[in-house]
Structures are given as structure tokens and as C-alpha cells.
Amino acid sequence: MTLPVLSLLETRVLGVLLEKEITTPDAYPLSLNSLVAGCNQKTNRNPVMSASEAEVQVALDALRRQTLVNETSGSRVSRFGHNAFKGLGLPRDRVLLLSVLWLRGAQTPGEIRIHSERFQNFDDIAAVEALLETMMEREPPLVIQLPRRPGSREHRYAHLLSGPVDLEAEMTAEPTYRGADVTTGEVAALKSTVAQMRDEIDSLRSTVERLCAELGVTP
């Protein structure tokens, strides 16, 4: 099956919709404002973006043409939801793993396992590696294994829905996290706490937007 080639912002938009459907179901589908905020989050995102409403709207229009996003009506504020599973024609576990790569960039199997906790559970890193192997063997492949960075013990994996990966840029890019005195578990716990707080803020923002729309006032 031929897969679409998506821009960086298009994959970010799709990833945010998949993430928020699971983590903040009361706020889903998302308004344009909430979607822009999700794309531009400073946490749980790599690279960090500063996309405008107009740019996100262009990405939404492109995704709608590819039947990957739906717009819902019935209120004063348009809302958007994903159609990724049917639109891509891929099993749920593949799409959810891809969404982690869309939101956070190239990662090791261990990082993917940690960052997938809110989406799907993997028993161990071997389960992540097995799924990645299946996705690499598919035709066309969905992910690629990157060469190890100097001093790194693990391979990272990147998605291929935005075309070929610039291996030289990936080799020289700064790691998302550095720190020798903090354990992986501590990092995971901190990220989980920050993510939960961010989700609660997004949910509250969406509730305020809905109330303002019903009352006919500007938030």
C-alpha cells in the first residue's frame, strides 16, 4: 500500500490528535486553538515548534484531503479529529508507535517504551523491538534504524512517512536529554508528571472554550 508523504507539521498535527484523543478525551475533538497549543508544547515534543494558526490550518486542510483528519460541526468552534487508522490502513499498534515518533522524533526502543505508556503497554523492550522489526520489514517500510551515535550503546529509530531520513543530520543533532546523575526511571517519572499536568491544563482550556462558545462570549 502506498503511504502519504507528510510534512513535519502534518505529522505533528496528526500526532497531537492521536495523543489528545487518549489523554484528554473530554477535550477531543480539538479546536484549532487547542491543536496549535498541542503542536507548540515545550514539553514532550521534539523538535519544539512555533507554528501559527494559519500554518496549522494549512496542515489540517492537507490532512483532510488525504482523509486523515475530519472536521466536526455543530458548535460555534470547529473541531478536528483524526482518521489515522482507517486513512493509513495500518493496525492500531503501528499507528500509535508512529505517533510517538511524530511527537518526539527519533528514539531508542527504551525511550519509545517509556513514551508509549499512555498510548499502549509493552511488556518489555524486546516487544518494542519486535514491533519495530515488523514495521521495517513492511513494504514500503514505516521506520528505519539509524546508525549509532558516537558513544551510544543503542540504535534509534525514525519514521519514514516524511520521506527519507537525513542520516547525517540525525547523527549530529543534539540529544533531547543529557544527564549522568539522573536515572532513567526518575526521568520517566518526571516526564509523566509534566505530561499529566499539561493534559489537565489542556482539558481545562477546552472546557473554558466550550463554555464561552455556548455563552457567546470571547475567551
C-alpha atoms as a PDB file:
ATOM      1  CA  MET A   1       0.000   0.000   0.000  1.00  0.00           C
ATOM      2  CA  THR A   2       1.265   3.448  -0.909  1.00  0.00           C
ATOM      3  CA  LEU A   3       1.529   5.733   2.094  1.00  0.00           C
ATOM      4  CA  PRO A   4       1.268   9.537   2.029  1.00  0.00           C
ATOM      5  CA  VAL A   5       4.338  11.704   2.418  1.00  0.00           C
ATOM      6  CA  LEU A   6       3.610  14.113   5.226  1.00  0.00           C
ATOM      7  CA  SER A   7       5.377  17.305   6.251  1.00  0.00           C
ATOM      8  CA  LEU A   8       6.853  17.728   9.724  1.00  0.00           C
ATOM      9  CA  LEU A   9       3.915  19.894  10.784  1.00  0.00           C
ATOM     10  CA  GLU A  10       1.378  17.460   9.313  1.00  0.00           C
ATOM     11  CA  THR A  11       2.840  14.579  11.319  1.00  0.00           C
ATOM     12  CA  ARG A  12       2.857  16.793  14.422  1.00  0.00           C
ATOM     13  CA  VAL A  13      -0.823  17.679  13.940  1.00  0.00           C
ATOM     14  CA  LEU A  14      -1.756  14.038  13.448  1.00  0.00           C
ATOM     15  CA  GLY A  15       0.340  13.006  16.448  1.00  0.00           C
ATOM     16  CA  VAL A  16      -1.309  15.607  18.684  1.00  0.00           C
ATOM     17  CA  LEU A  17      -4.794  14.469  17.661  1.00  0.00           C
ATOM     18  CA  LEU A  18      -3.905  10.845  18.431  1.00  0.00           C
ATOM     19  CA  GLU A  19      -2.344  11.824  21.756  1.00  0.00           C
ATOM     20  CA  LYS A  20      -5.176  14.054  22.963  1.00  0.00           C
ATOM     21  CA  GLU A  21      -7.864  11.545  21.998  1.00  0.00           C
ATOM     22  CA  ILE A  22      -6.315   9.177  24.538  1.00  0.00           C
ATOM     23  CA  THR A  23      -5.029  11.540  27.229  1.00  0.00           C
ATOM     24  CA  THR A  24      -7.792  14.193  27.264  1.00  0.00           C
ATOM     25  CA  PRO A  25     -10.894  12.512  25.803  1.00  0.00           C
ATOM     26  CA  ASP A  26     -13.226  15.168  27.277  1.00  0.00           C
ATOM     27  CA  ALA A  27     -11.485  17.824  25.165  1.00  0.00           C
ATOM     28  CA  TYR A  28     -11.470  15.758  21.964  1.00  0.00           C
ATOM     29  CA  PRO A  29     -12.074  16.573  19.084  1.00  0.00           C
ATOM     30  CA  LEU A  30      -9.797  19.597  19.359  1.00  0.00           C
ATOM     31  CA  SER A  31     -10.421  23.213  18.466  1.00  0.00           C
ATOM     32  CA  LEU A  32      -7.853  24.965  16.298  1.00  0.00           C
ATOM     33  CA  ASN A  33      -6.542  26.876  19.333  1.00  0.00           C
ATOM     34  CA  SER A  34      -6.055  23.678  21.336  1.00  0.00           C
ATOM     35  CA  LEU A  35      -4.392  21.987  18.388  1.00  0.00           C
ATOM     36  CA  VAL A  36      -1.946  24.856  17.923  1.00  0.00           C
ATOM     37  CA  ALA A  37      -1.112  24.714  21.647  1.00  0.00           C
ATOM     38  CA  GLY A  38      -0.545  20.961  21.385  1.00  0.00           C
ATOM     39  CA  CYS A  39       1.752  21.360  18.392  1.00  0.00           C
ATOM     40  CA  ASN A  40       3.779  24.068  20.140  1.00  0.00           C
ATOM     41  CA  GLN A  41       4.156  22.401  23.546  1.00  0.00           C
ATOM     42  CA  LYS A  42       7.579  22.925  25.072  1.00  0.00           C
ATOM     43  CA  THR A  43       7.468  19.512  26.778  1.00  0.00           C
ATOM     44  CA  ASN A  44       7.075  16.057  25.241  1.00  0.00           C
ATOM     45  CA  ARG A  45       7.917  17.431  21.788  1.00  0.00           C
ATOM     46  CA  ASN A  46      10.979  17.166  19.571  1.00  0.00           C
ATOM     47  CA  PRO A  47      11.612  19.371  17.752  1.00  0.00           C
ATOM     48  CA  VAL A  48       9.894  22.189  19.632  1.00  0.00           C
ATOM     49  CA  MET A  49       7.796  24.198  17.177  1.00  0.00           C
ATOM     50  CA  SER A  50       6.258  27.653  16.982  1.00  0.00           C
ATOM     51  CA  ALA A  51       3.560  27.069  14.371  1.00  0.00           C
ATOM     52  CA  SER A  52       0.933  29.750  13.741  1.00  0.00           C
ATOM     53  CA  GLU A  53      -2.803  29.150  13.479  1.00  0.00           C
ATOM     54  CA  ALA A  54      -2.586  29.737   9.728  1.00  0.00           C
ATOM     55  CA  GLU A  55       0.169  27.141   9.345  1.00  0.00           C
ATOM     56  CA  VAL A  56      -1.713  24.561  11.388  1.00  0.00           C
ATOM     57  CA  GLN A  57      -4.858  25.246   9.355  1.00  0.00           C
ATOM     58  CA  VAL A  58      -2.924  24.613   6.125  1.00  0.00           C
ATOM     59  CA  ALA A  59      -1.659  21.323   7.566  1.00  0.00           C
ATOM     60  CA  LEU A  60      -5.213  20.386   8.581  1.00  0.00           C
ATOM     61  CA  ASP A  61      -6.503  21.112   5.087  1.00  0.00           C
ATOM     62  CA  ALA A  62      -3.794  18.897   3.590  1.00  0.00           C
ATOM     63  CA  LEU A  63      -4.601  16.076   6.021  1.00  0.00           C
ATOM     64  CA  ARG A  64      -8.320  16.384   5.288  1.00  0.00           C
ATOM     65  CA  ARG A  65      -7.638  15.978   1.566  1.00  0.00           C
ATOM     66  CA  GLN A  66      -5.870  12.726   2.398  1.00  0.00           C
ATOM     67  CA  THR A  67      -8.806  11.611   4.599  1.00  0.00           C
ATOM     68  CA  LEU A  68      -6.541  11.577   7.666  1.00  0.00           C
ATOM     69  CA  VAL A  69      -8.443  14.293   9.551  1.00  0.00           C
ATOM     70  CA  ASN A  70     -12.150  15.040   9.971  1.00  0.00           C
ATOM     71  CA  GLU A  71     -13.784  18.348  10.862  1.00  0.00           C
ATOM     72  CA  THR A  72     -16.848  18.243  13.077  1.00  0.00           C
ATOM     73  CA  SER A  73     -19.538  20.909  13.105  1.00  0.00           C
ATOM     74  CA  GLY A  74     -22.488  21.733  15.310  1.00  0.00           C
ATOM     75  CA  SER A  75     -20.923  24.405  17.501  1.00  0.00           C
ATOM     76  CA  ARG A  76     -19.505  27.863  17.006  1.00  0.00           C
ATOM     77  CA  VAL A  77     -15.983  26.456  17.184  1.00  0.00           C
ATOM     78  CA  SER A  78     -14.821  23.986  14.534  1.00  0.00           C
ATOM     79  CA  ARG A  79     -13.243  20.865  15.957  1.00  0.00           C
ATOM     80  CA  PHE A  80     -10.910  18.355  14.418  1.00  0.00           C
ATOM     81  CA  GLY A  81     -10.347  14.649  14.927  1.00  0.00           C
ATOM     82  CA  HIS A  82      -8.059  12.115  13.281  1.00  0.00           C
ATOM     83  CA  ASN A  83      -8.923   9.279  10.907  1.00  0.00           C
ATOM     84  CA  ALA A  84      -5.415   7.842  11.080  1.00  0.00           C
ATOM     85  CA  PHE A  85      -6.191   4.146  11.485  1.00  0.00           C
ATOM     86  CA  LYS A  86      -8.522   3.943   8.506  1.00  0.00           C
ATOM     87  CA  GLY A  87      -6.770   6.644   6.478  1.00  0.00           C
ATOM     88  CA  LEU A  88      -3.360   4.999   6.726  1.00  0.00           C
ATOM     89  CA  GLY A  89      -4.748   1.476   6.552  1.00  0.00           C
ATOM     90  CA  LEU A  90      -2.443   0.354   9.372  1.00  0.00           C
ATOM     91  CA  PRO A  91      -3.060  -1.605  12.589  1.00  0.00           C
ATOM     92  CA  ARG A  92      -3.615   0.450  15.717  1.00  0.00           C
ATOM     93  CA  ASP A  93      -0.329  -0.549  17.379  1.00  0.00           C
ATOM     94  CA  ARG A  94       1.695   0.626  14.352  1.00  0.00           C
ATOM     95  CA  VAL A  95      -0.069   3.984  14.182  1.00  0.00           C
ATOM     96  CA  LEU A  96       0.317   4.607  17.921  1.00  0.00           C
ATOM     97  CA  LEU A  97       4.027   3.819  17.776  1.00  0.00           C
ATOM     98  CA  LEU A  98       4.383   6.152  14.788  1.00  0.00           C
ATOM     99  CA  SER A  99       2.614   8.883  16.739  1.00  0.00           C
ATOM    100  CA  VAL A 100       5.304   8.710  19.437  1.00  0.00           C
ATOM    101  CA  LEU A 101       7.955   9.244  16.758  1.00  0.00           C
ATOM    102  CA  TRP A 102       5.920  12.077  15.204  1.00  0.00           C
ATOM    103  CA  LEU A 103       5.726  13.872  18.532  1.00  0.00           C
ATOM    104  CA  ARG A 104       9.238  13.229  19.879  1.00  0.00           C
ATOM    105  CA  GLY A 105      11.477  12.465  16.907  1.00  0.00           C
ATOM    106  CA  ALA A 106      13.921   9.559  16.608  1.00  0.00           C
ATOM    107  CA  GLN A 107      14.187   7.411  19.752  1.00  0.00           C
ATOM    108  CA  THR A 108      15.693   4.218  21.120  1.00  0.00           C
ATOM    109  CA  PRO A 109      13.405   1.240  21.869  1.00  0.00           C
ATOM    110  CA  GLY A 110      13.699   2.039  25.568  1.00  0.00           C
ATOM    111  CA  GLU A 111      12.607   5.628  25.023  1.00  0.00           C
ATOM    112  CA  ILE A 112       9.743   4.503  22.788  1.00  0.00           C
ATOM    113  CA  ARG A 113       8.548   2.118  25.502  1.00  0.00           C
ATOM    114  CA  ILE A 114       8.561   4.861  28.145  1.00  0.00           C
ATOM    115  CA  HIS A 115       6.889   7.431  25.893  1.00  0.00           C
ATOM    116  CA  SER A 116       4.235   4.944  24.742  1.00  0.00           C
ATOM    117  CA  GLU A 117       2.977   4.198  28.258  1.00  0.00           C
ATOM    118  CA  ARG A 118      -0.092   6.419  27.934  1.00  0.00           C
ATOM    119  CA  PHE A 119      -0.890   5.014  24.448  1.00  0.00           C
ATOM    120  CA  GLN A 120      -0.175   1.293  24.667  1.00  0.00           C
ATOM    121  CA  ASN A 121       1.700  -1.038  27.007  1.00  0.00           C
ATOM    122  CA  PHE A 122       4.754  -3.036  26.017  1.00  0.00           C
ATOM    123  CA  ASP A 123       5.817  -5.865  28.318  1.00  0.00           C
ATOM    124  CA  ASP A 124       9.490  -5.135  27.730  1.00  0.00           C
ATOM    125  CA  ILE A 125      11.939  -3.543  25.297  1.00  0.00           C
ATOM    126  CA  ALA A 126      12.033  -6.779  23.285  1.00  0.00           C
ATOM    127  CA  ALA A 127       8.332  -6.276  22.481  1.00  0.00           C
ATOM    128  CA  VAL A 128       9.085  -2.792  21.153  1.00  0.00           C
ATOM    129  CA  GLU A 129      11.974  -4.119  19.084  1.00  0.00           C
ATOM    130  CA  ALA A 130       9.778  -6.873  17.646  1.00  0.00           C
ATOM    131  CA  LEU A 131       7.162  -4.356  16.525  1.00  0.00           C
ATOM    132  CA  LEU A 132       9.838  -2.087  15.063  1.00  0.00           C
ATOM    133  CA  GLU A 133      11.270  -5.050  13.131  1.00  0.00           C
ATOM    134  CA  THR A 134       7.832  -5.780  11.687  1.00  0.00           C
ATOM    135  CA  MET A 135       7.443  -2.144  10.666  1.00  0.00           C
ATOM    136  CA  MET A 136      10.868  -2.132   8.993  1.00  0.00           C
ATOM    137  CA  GLU A 137      10.148  -5.342   7.054  1.00  0.00           C
ATOM    138  CA  ARG A 138       6.885  -3.971   5.686  1.00  0.00           C
ATOM    139  CA  GLU A 139       6.831  -2.771   2.059  1.00  0.00           C
ATOM    140  CA  PRO A 140       7.126   0.151   1.992  1.00  0.00           C
ATOM    141  CA  PRO A 141       8.826   0.279   5.416  1.00  0.00           C
ATOM    142  CA  LEU A 142       7.370   2.518   8.111  1.00  0.00           C
ATOM    143  CA  VAL A 143      10.517   3.065  10.189  1.00  0.00           C
ATOM    144  CA  ILE A 144      14.272   2.950   9.763  1.00  0.00           C
ATOM    145  CA  GLN A 145      17.027   2.016  12.191  1.00  0.00           C
ATOM    146  CA  LEU A 146      19.553   4.846  12.461  1.00  0.00           C
ATOM    147  CA  PRO A 147      23.305   4.342  12.886  1.00  0.00           C
ATOM    148  CA  ARG A 148      24.501   4.547  16.470  1.00  0.00           C
ATOM    149  CA  ARG A 149      25.725   7.940  17.578  1.00  0.00           C
ATOM    150  CA  PRO A 150      29.320   8.050  18.834  1.00  0.00           C
ATOM    151  CA  GLY A 151      29.368   6.802  22.408  1.00  0.00           C
ATOM    152  CA  SER A 152      25.817   5.458  22.260  1.00  0.00           C
ATOM    153  CA  ARG A 153      25.032   1.820  23.021  1.00  0.00           C
ATOM    154  CA  GLU A 154      21.589   1.762  21.387  1.00  0.00           C
ATOM    155  CA  HIS A 155      20.200   2.356  17.934  1.00  0.00           C
ATOM    156  CA  ARG A 156      17.488   4.944  17.479  1.00  0.00           C
ATOM    157  CA  TYR A 157      14.536   4.588  15.101  1.00  0.00           C
ATOM    158  CA  ALA A 158      12.839   7.199  12.930  1.00  0.00           C
ATOM    159  CA  HIS A 159       9.614   7.108  10.923  1.00  0.00           C
ATOM    160  CA  LEU A 160       9.553   7.276   7.121  1.00  0.00           C
ATOM    161  CA  LEU A 161       6.208   8.985   6.483  1.00  0.00           C
ATOM    162  CA  SER A 162       8.026  12.255   5.780  1.00  0.00           C
ATOM    163  CA  GLY A 163      10.294  10.699   3.175  1.00  0.00           C
ATOM    164  CA  PRO A 164      13.922   9.553   3.509  1.00  0.00           C
ATOM    165  CA  VAL A 165      15.685  10.460   6.747  1.00  0.00           C
ATOM    166  CA  ASP A 166      18.708  12.783   6.636  1.00  0.00           C
ATOM    167  CA  LEU A 167      21.142  10.410   8.352  1.00  0.00           C
ATOM    168  CA  GLU A 168      23.937  12.982   8.598  1.00  0.00           C
ATOM    169  CA  ALA A 169      21.650  15.478  10.349  1.00  0.00           C
ATOM    170  CA  GLU A 170      20.382  12.777  12.716  1.00  0.00           C
ATOM    171  CA  MET A 171      23.938  11.786  13.618  1.00  0.00           C
ATOM    172  CA  THR A 172      24.948  15.347  14.501  1.00  0.00           C
ATOM    173  CA  ALA A 173      21.704  16.517  16.166  1.00  0.00           C
ATOM    174  CA  GLU A 174      21.904  17.196  19.876  1.00  0.00           C
ATOM    175  CA  PRO A 175      20.273  14.506  22.045  1.00  0.00           C
ATOM    176  CA  THR A 176      16.960  15.531  23.554  1.00  0.00           C
ATOM    177  CA  TYR A 177      18.185  14.786  27.065  1.00  0.00           C
ATOM    178  CA  ARG A 178      21.581  14.813  28.775  1.00  0.00           C
ATOM    179  CA  GLY A 179      22.318  13.942  32.368  1.00  0.00           C
ATOM    180  CA  ALA A 180      24.611  11.427  34.011  1.00  0.00           C
ATOM    181  CA  ASP A 181      23.344  11.787  37.576  1.00  0.00           C
ATOM    182  CA  VAL A 182      19.664  11.108  36.957  1.00  0.00           C
ATOM    183  CA  THR A 183      18.287   7.640  36.419  1.00  0.00           C
ATOM    184  CA  THR A 184      16.035   6.660  33.528  1.00  0.00           C
ATOM    185  CA  GLY A 185      13.248   5.915  35.998  1.00  0.00           C
ATOM    186  CA  GLU A 186      13.493   9.395  37.516  1.00  0.00           C
ATOM    187  CA  VAL A 187      13.384  10.976  34.078  1.00  0.00           C
ATOM    188  CA  ALA A 188      10.358   8.871  33.126  1.00  0.00           C
ATOM    189  CA  ALA A 189       8.535   9.789  36.346  1.00  0.00           C
ATOM    190  CA  LEU A 190       9.233  13.500  35.845  1.00  0.00           C
ATOM    191  CA  LYS A 191       8.081  13.379  32.224  1.00  0.00           C
ATOM    192  CA  SER A 192       4.925  11.541  33.230  1.00  0.00           C
ATOM    193  CA  THR A 193       4.118  14.169  35.871  1.00  0.00           C
ATOM    194  CA  VAL A 194       4.710  17.055  33.486  1.00  0.00           C
ATOM    195  CA  ALA A 195       2.624  15.352  30.788  1.00  0.00           C
ATOM    196  CA  GLN A 196      -0.251  14.820  33.233  1.00  0.00           C
ATOM    197  CA  MET A 197      -0.172  18.471  34.281  1.00  0.00           C
ATOM    198  CA  ARG A 198      -0.101  19.577  30.661  1.00  0.00           C
ATOM    199  CA  ASP A 199      -3.074  17.359  29.818  1.00  0.00           C
ATOM    200  CA  GLU A 200      -5.061  18.754  32.742  1.00  0.00           C
ATOM    201  CA  ILE A 201      -4.340  22.311  31.595  1.00  0.00           C
ATOM    202  CA  ASP A 202      -5.399  21.456  28.033  1.00  0.00           C
ATOM    203  CA  SER A 203      -8.609  19.893  29.333  1.00  0.00           C
ATOM    204  CA  LEU A 204      -9.419  22.981  31.402  1.00  0.00           C
ATOM    205  CA  ARG A 205      -8.670  25.237  28.422  1.00  0.00           C
ATOM    206  CA  SER A 206     -11.012  23.226  26.226  1.00  0.00           C
ATOM    207  CA  THR A 207     -13.775  23.386  28.869  1.00  0.00           C
ATOM    208  CA  VAL A 208     -13.444  27.173  29.059  1.00  0.00           C
ATOM    209  CA  GLU A 209     -13.600  27.435  25.258  1.00  0.00           C
ATOM    210  CA  ARG A 210     -16.760  25.354  25.124  1.00  0.00           C
ATOM    211  CA  LEU A 211     -18.444  27.370  27.877  1.00  0.00           C
ATOM    212  CA  CYS A 212     -17.535  30.629  26.129  1.00  0.00           C
ATOM    213  CA  ALA A 213     -18.901  29.291  22.831  1.00  0.00           C
ATOM    214  CA  GLU A 214     -22.184  28.300  24.497  1.00  0.00           C
ATOM    215  CA  LEU A 215     -22.484  31.693  26.195  1.00  0.00           C
ATOM    216  CA  GLY A 216     -21.482  33.565  23.060  1.00  0.00           C
ATOM    217  CA  VAL A 217     -18.563  35.355  24.693  1.00  0.00           C
ATOM    218  CA  THR A 218     -14.938  35.650  23.646  1.00  0.00           C
ATOM    219  CA  PRO A 219     -12.484  33.791  25.900  1.00  0.00           C
END
